[in-house]
Every structure is written in C-alpha cells, then in structure tokens.
Protein backbone atom coordinates (compact mmCIF):
# COMPACT_ATOMS: atom_id res chain seq x y z
CA MET A 1 1.12 -3.78 2.66
CA GLU A 2 0.93 -6.77 0.26
CA ASN A 3 2.38 -9.97 2.07
CA ARG A 4 1.67 -10.32 6.22
CA VAL A 5 2.85 -12.61 8.42
CA VAL A 6 0.65 -15.54 9.32
CA GLN A 7 1.90 -18.10 12.27
CA GLY A 8 5.49 -17.19 11.43
CA ARG A 9 5.72 -16.89 7.43
CA MET A 10 5.30 -14.93 5.12
CA VAL A 11 2.33 -15.14 2.81
CA THR A 12 0.76 -13.63 -0.16
CA PRO A 13 -2.79 -12.73 -0.66
CA GLU A 14 -2.86 -15.35 -2.54
CA ARG A 15 -1.35 -17.56 -0.19
CA LEU A 16 -3.40 -16.64 2.35
CA ALA A 17 -6.71 -17.47 0.12
CA GLU A 18 -5.42 -20.47 -0.12
CA LEU A 19 -4.41 -21.18 3.44
CA ILE A 20 -8.56 -20.41 4.19
CA GLU A 21 -9.72 -22.05 1.19
CA GLY A 22 -7.87 -25.33 0.59
CA GLU A 23 -6.89 -24.43 -2.75
CA ARG A 24 -5.11 -21.85 -5.05
CA PRO A 25 -7.51 -19.12 -5.51
CA MET A 26 -8.16 -17.74 -9.79
CA GLU A 27 -7.08 -14.40 -8.12
CA ALA A 28 -6.84 -12.79 -4.76
CA ASP A 29 -6.89 -8.62 -3.48
CA ALA A 30 -4.64 -7.19 -0.44
CA ILE A 31 -4.73 -8.51 2.54
CA GLU A 32 -6.34 -6.11 5.31
CA ASP A 33 -6.77 -6.22 8.83
CA ALA A 34 -10.57 -7.50 9.75
CA ASP A 35 -12.16 -6.00 12.87
CA ARG A 36 -12.05 -9.12 15.10
CA GLU A 37 -10.44 -10.90 16.98
CA CYS A 38 -9.53 -15.07 16.93
CA PRO A 39 -12.77 -16.55 18.42
CA GLN A 40 -10.20 -19.55 19.13
CA CYS A 41 -7.13 -18.05 20.45
CA GLY A 42 -7.82 -14.26 20.96
CA GLY A 43 -5.29 -13.17 18.18
CA SER A 44 -5.29 -11.15 15.04
CA VAL A 45 -7.71 -11.91 12.05
CA LEU A 46 -7.01 -11.13 8.32
CA GLN A 47 -9.29 -11.10 5.59
CA VAL A 48 -9.02 -10.80 2.43
CA GLY A 49 -11.23 -10.86 -0.89
CA TYR A 50 -10.76 -13.77 -3.50
CA MET A 51 -12.53 -15.37 -6.52
CA PRO A 52 -11.96 -19.18 -5.70
CA SER A 53 -14.08 -19.92 -9.43
CA VAL A 54 -15.11 -17.23 -12.37
CA THR A 55 -18.47 -16.93 -10.53
CA GLU A 56 -17.99 -16.37 -7.03
CA PHE A 57 -16.16 -14.07 -5.07
CA VAL A 58 -15.59 -14.73 -1.38
CA VAL A 59 -14.28 -13.22 2.03
CA GLY A 60 -11.76 -15.11 3.68
CA TYR A 61 -11.10 -14.46 7.36
CA LYS A 62 -7.65 -16.08 8.90
CA CYS A 63 -6.35 -16.13 12.45
CA GLN A 64 -2.58 -14.81 12.37
CA ASP A 65 -1.61 -16.79 15.46
CA CYS A 66 -3.56 -19.96 15.09
CA ASP A 67 -5.43 -22.36 12.42
CA TRP A 68 -8.78 -20.72 12.94
CA ALA A 69 -10.17 -19.45 9.75
CA GLU A 70 -13.61 -19.10 7.52
CA THR A 71 -15.56 -17.34 5.00
CA ASP A 72 -18.16 -14.97 4.31
CA ARG A 73 -19.84 -16.54 0.79
C-alpha cells in the first residue's frame, strides 16, 4: 500500500517525507506502520525512509492524527 491517510489527507511517501523534513526529498521508500504510538496524542505513527540529499538516508516518523514528527538520522 503506497498512499496513507495522515491528518485527514491521502499522502504519498514523498509527501509524507516532505511533511516530516520540510522540503521534498530526492527519493522516498514505501510508507510503513511504525511500532510505536505518538508521544503527544497516542495516535498511530507511520514511518518512511527517504533521501533528503545524495549523501543522506533518513527514517522519518509522523503521527497520522496530529502534527508530531521526528527523524532518526
């Protein structure tokens, strides 16, 4: 499943990475369910791996229900 609902909107892996990073990534992997709950609202968290630059790969986490997001650099 490529697209997922985040805060009421259907997003692609690239759009999810953009919500986390603040700018569009060069490339993004498929969206997956993260094995964690949101620390702010207790909602479901998604994860996506993406490349914000040629030399960096980041795993980003984003709550499906609120604005919380973080990265694992």
